[in-house]
């Protein structure tokens, strides 16, 4: 199957809401919000969120569309307000029928990483993975993230833990070159 990966547009708030609700229903521990919390937001919230994720100079959401232009995946990058000099990748999701060796998830994350390198003035790129999500831990390791020694409470249930992983090649020069990796 052929996919188009692009930045979402401001008017696609219904699609944003639908994929975020689908994602948290599919893998509840992969996200820092519960289904009930997300479903409880008003249309105005989603409209504002879509406009911000589509137009911000410092944060963005990218979507993977199938041949019917249906959203089958997403990934976002933005500064991490709570932690200076950090950006984070979040809201990574690929619909079950589109996961696998085609590498759609890796392609989405790669686009989000490139956006962060080019648009977010920080030196570190991180993400959080729930302690019980072995599939996500393996995926992120495979595409260049490494475990840090940072573990934080998982926002929806602070008894559970979230491992912080860091992208090892973020804004690093190519070997023997002063230019940043592209």
Protein backbone atom coordinates (compact mmCIF):
# COMPACT_ATOMS: atom_id res chain seq x y z
CA UNK A 1 0.00 0.00 0.00
CA UNK A 2 1.14 3.53 -0.71
CA UNK A 3 0.99 6.12 2.06
CA UNK A 4 1.29 9.88 2.04
CA UNK A 5 2.86 11.39 5.15
CA UNK A 6 2.11 15.07 5.62
CA UNK A 7 1.51 17.70 8.22
CA UNK A 8 -2.13 17.96 9.24
CA UNK A 9 -4.11 21.05 8.29
CA UNK A 10 -6.04 23.35 10.68
CA UNK A 11 -9.47 22.20 9.51
CA UNK A 12 -8.83 18.53 10.21
CA UNK A 13 -9.95 18.63 13.82
CA UNK A 14 -12.52 15.84 13.38
CA UNK A 15 -9.82 13.56 11.96
CA UNK A 16 -7.45 14.49 14.79
CA UNK A 17 -10.11 13.72 17.39
CA UNK A 18 -10.99 10.42 15.71
CA UNK A 19 -7.41 9.12 15.47
CA UNK A 20 -6.52 10.17 19.01
CA UNK A 21 -9.61 8.44 20.39
CA UNK A 22 -8.91 5.35 18.28
CA UNK A 23 -5.29 5.31 19.46
CA UNK A 24 -6.06 5.54 23.17
CA UNK A 25 -8.79 2.91 22.81
CA UNK A 26 -6.36 0.60 20.96
CA UNK A 27 -3.41 0.99 23.35
CA UNK A 28 -4.52 2.82 26.51
CA UNK A 29 -1.11 2.80 28.22
CA UNK A 30 0.65 4.32 25.20
CA UNK A 31 -0.78 7.78 25.85
CA UNK A 32 -0.82 10.23 28.72
CA UNK A 33 -4.58 10.78 28.54
CA UNK A 34 -7.45 8.41 29.09
CA UNK A 35 -10.20 7.75 26.58
CA UNK A 36 -12.73 9.40 28.92
CA UNK A 37 -10.59 12.53 29.21
CA UNK A 38 -10.11 12.85 25.45
CA UNK A 39 -13.73 12.02 24.62
CA UNK A 40 -14.89 14.66 27.10
CA UNK A 41 -13.24 17.55 25.25
CA UNK A 42 -15.48 19.92 23.31
CA UNK A 43 -15.36 20.53 19.58
CA UNK A 44 -13.78 23.91 20.31
CA UNK A 45 -10.90 22.18 22.14
CA UNK A 46 -10.26 19.94 19.12
CA UNK A 47 -10.52 22.86 16.71
CA UNK A 48 -7.96 24.84 18.71
CA UNK A 49 -5.69 21.80 19.10
CA UNK A 50 -5.80 21.06 15.36
CA UNK A 51 -5.05 24.67 14.47
CA UNK A 52 -2.06 24.71 16.83
CA UNK A 53 -0.68 21.35 15.67
CA UNK A 54 -1.06 22.36 12.04
CA UNK A 55 0.40 25.86 12.16
CA UNK A 56 2.83 26.20 15.07
CA UNK A 57 6.42 27.02 14.21
CA UNK A 58 7.65 24.88 17.12
CA UNK A 59 5.34 21.87 17.18
CA UNK A 60 3.57 19.75 14.60
CA UNK A 61 1.46 16.68 14.00
CA UNK A 62 2.13 14.51 10.98
CA UNK A 63 -0.34 12.01 9.60
CA UNK A 64 -0.10 9.00 7.36
CA UNK A 65 -2.95 8.75 4.86
CA UNK A 66 -3.82 5.67 2.86
CA UNK A 67 -4.91 5.64 -0.78
CA UNK A 68 -8.44 6.72 0.28
CA UNK A 69 -6.97 9.68 2.21
CA UNK A 70 -8.03 8.08 5.51
CA UNK A 71 -5.73 8.76 8.45
CA UNK A 72 -4.04 5.51 9.46
CA UNK A 73 -1.27 6.92 11.65
CA UNK A 74 0.11 9.99 13.37
CA UNK A 75 3.14 11.34 15.22
CA UNK A 76 3.75 14.70 16.88
CA UNK A 77 6.75 16.69 18.04
CA UNK A 78 6.88 19.77 20.25
CA UNK A 79 8.98 21.40 22.97
CA UNK A 80 8.62 19.85 26.40
CA UNK A 81 7.51 22.85 28.44
CA UNK A 82 8.19 21.19 31.79
CA UNK A 83 11.80 20.31 30.93
CA UNK A 84 14.10 23.01 29.54
CA UNK A 85 16.13 22.20 26.40
CA UNK A 86 13.97 19.16 25.57
CA UNK A 87 11.49 18.40 22.82
CA UNK A 88 9.41 15.28 22.75
CA UNK A 89 7.78 12.93 20.32
CA UNK A 90 4.25 11.95 21.29
CA UNK A 91 0.91 10.70 19.99
CA UNK A 92 2.62 8.06 17.84
CA UNK A 93 0.04 5.65 16.50
CA UNK A 94 -0.43 3.38 13.51
CA UNK A 95 -3.72 1.57 12.95
CA UNK A 96 -3.38 -2.19 13.44
CA UNK A 97 -3.96 -3.11 9.79
CA UNK A 98 -1.10 -0.84 8.72
CA UNK A 99 1.60 -1.88 11.21
CA UNK A 100 4.47 -4.14 10.37
CA UNK A 101 7.49 -4.47 8.13
CA UNK A 102 6.44 -1.64 5.79
CA UNK A 103 7.85 0.70 8.44
CA UNK A 104 5.04 3.24 8.50
CA UNK A 105 5.54 3.93 12.21
CA UNK A 106 9.27 4.49 11.70
CA UNK A 107 8.58 6.80 8.76
CA UNK A 108 6.14 8.88 10.84
CA UNK A 109 8.60 9.18 13.73
CA UNK A 110 11.41 10.07 11.31
CA UNK A 111 9.36 12.97 9.91
CA UNK A 112 8.63 14.19 13.46
CA UNK A 113 12.34 13.94 14.36
CA UNK A 114 13.36 15.96 11.29
CA UNK A 115 10.78 18.62 12.15
CA UNK A 116 12.14 18.84 15.70
CA UNK A 117 15.72 19.14 14.44
CA UNK A 118 14.83 21.94 12.07
CA UNK A 119 12.24 23.89 14.08
CA UNK A 120 12.71 23.35 17.81
CA UNK A 121 15.70 25.03 19.42
CA UNK A 122 16.65 22.36 21.95
CA UNK A 123 19.49 19.88 22.23
CA UNK A 124 17.58 16.80 23.39
CA UNK A 125 14.66 14.82 21.97
CA UNK A 126 12.85 12.39 24.25
CA UNK A 127 9.68 10.38 24.57
CA UNK A 128 7.98 8.38 27.28
CA UNK A 129 7.03 4.72 27.14
CA UNK A 130 4.82 2.93 29.66
CA UNK A 131 6.68 0.22 31.58
CA UNK A 132 4.34 -2.47 30.26
CA UNK A 133 4.59 -1.55 26.58
CA UNK A 134 7.39 -3.89 25.47
CA UNK A 135 6.40 -3.56 21.81
CA UNK A 136 6.91 0.23 21.90
CA UNK A 137 10.19 -0.06 23.84
CA UNK A 138 11.56 -2.45 21.19
CA UNK A 139 10.29 -0.27 18.32
CA UNK A 140 11.90 2.91 19.65
CA UNK A 141 15.20 1.14 20.34
CA UNK A 142 15.20 -0.19 16.78
CA UNK A 143 14.84 3.32 15.31
CA UNK A 144 17.55 4.98 17.40
CA UNK A 145 16.13 5.85 20.80
CA UNK A 146 17.96 4.68 23.92
CA UNK A 147 16.87 4.27 27.50
CA UNK A 148 17.82 7.01 29.93
CA UNK A 149 17.94 6.46 33.67
CA UNK A 150 14.88 8.69 34.04
CA UNK A 151 11.62 7.03 35.09
CA UNK A 152 8.57 9.11 35.94
CA UNK A 153 5.05 8.32 37.16
CA UNK A 154 2.62 7.50 34.37
CA UNK A 155 0.22 10.47 34.24
CA UNK A 156 -3.14 8.60 34.13
CA UNK A 157 -2.07 6.24 36.95
CA UNK A 158 0.93 7.47 38.99
CA UNK A 159 1.42 4.03 40.55
CA UNK A 160 2.64 2.87 37.13
CA UNK A 161 5.90 4.04 35.57
CA UNK A 162 6.94 5.69 32.32
CA UNK A 163 10.47 5.19 30.96
CA UNK A 164 12.06 8.18 29.27
CA UNK A 165 13.96 7.38 26.08
CA UNK A 166 16.23 9.78 24.17
CA UNK A 167 16.99 9.97 20.47
CA UNK A 168 20.73 9.43 20.26
CA UNK A 169 21.42 11.16 16.94
CA UNK A 170 19.38 14.30 17.59
CA UNK A 171 21.17 17.31 16.09
CA UNK A 172 24.45 15.41 15.93
CA UNK A 173 26.96 16.18 13.18
CA UNK A 174 27.75 13.59 10.56
CA UNK A 175 31.03 11.79 11.09
CA UNK A 176 33.85 14.09 9.98
CA UNK A 177 31.45 16.93 9.13
CA UNK A 178 30.36 20.10 10.86
CA UNK A 179 26.91 19.92 9.28
CA UNK A 180 23.98 18.56 11.19
CA UNK A 181 22.52 15.26 10.13
CA UNK A 182 19.52 15.68 7.79
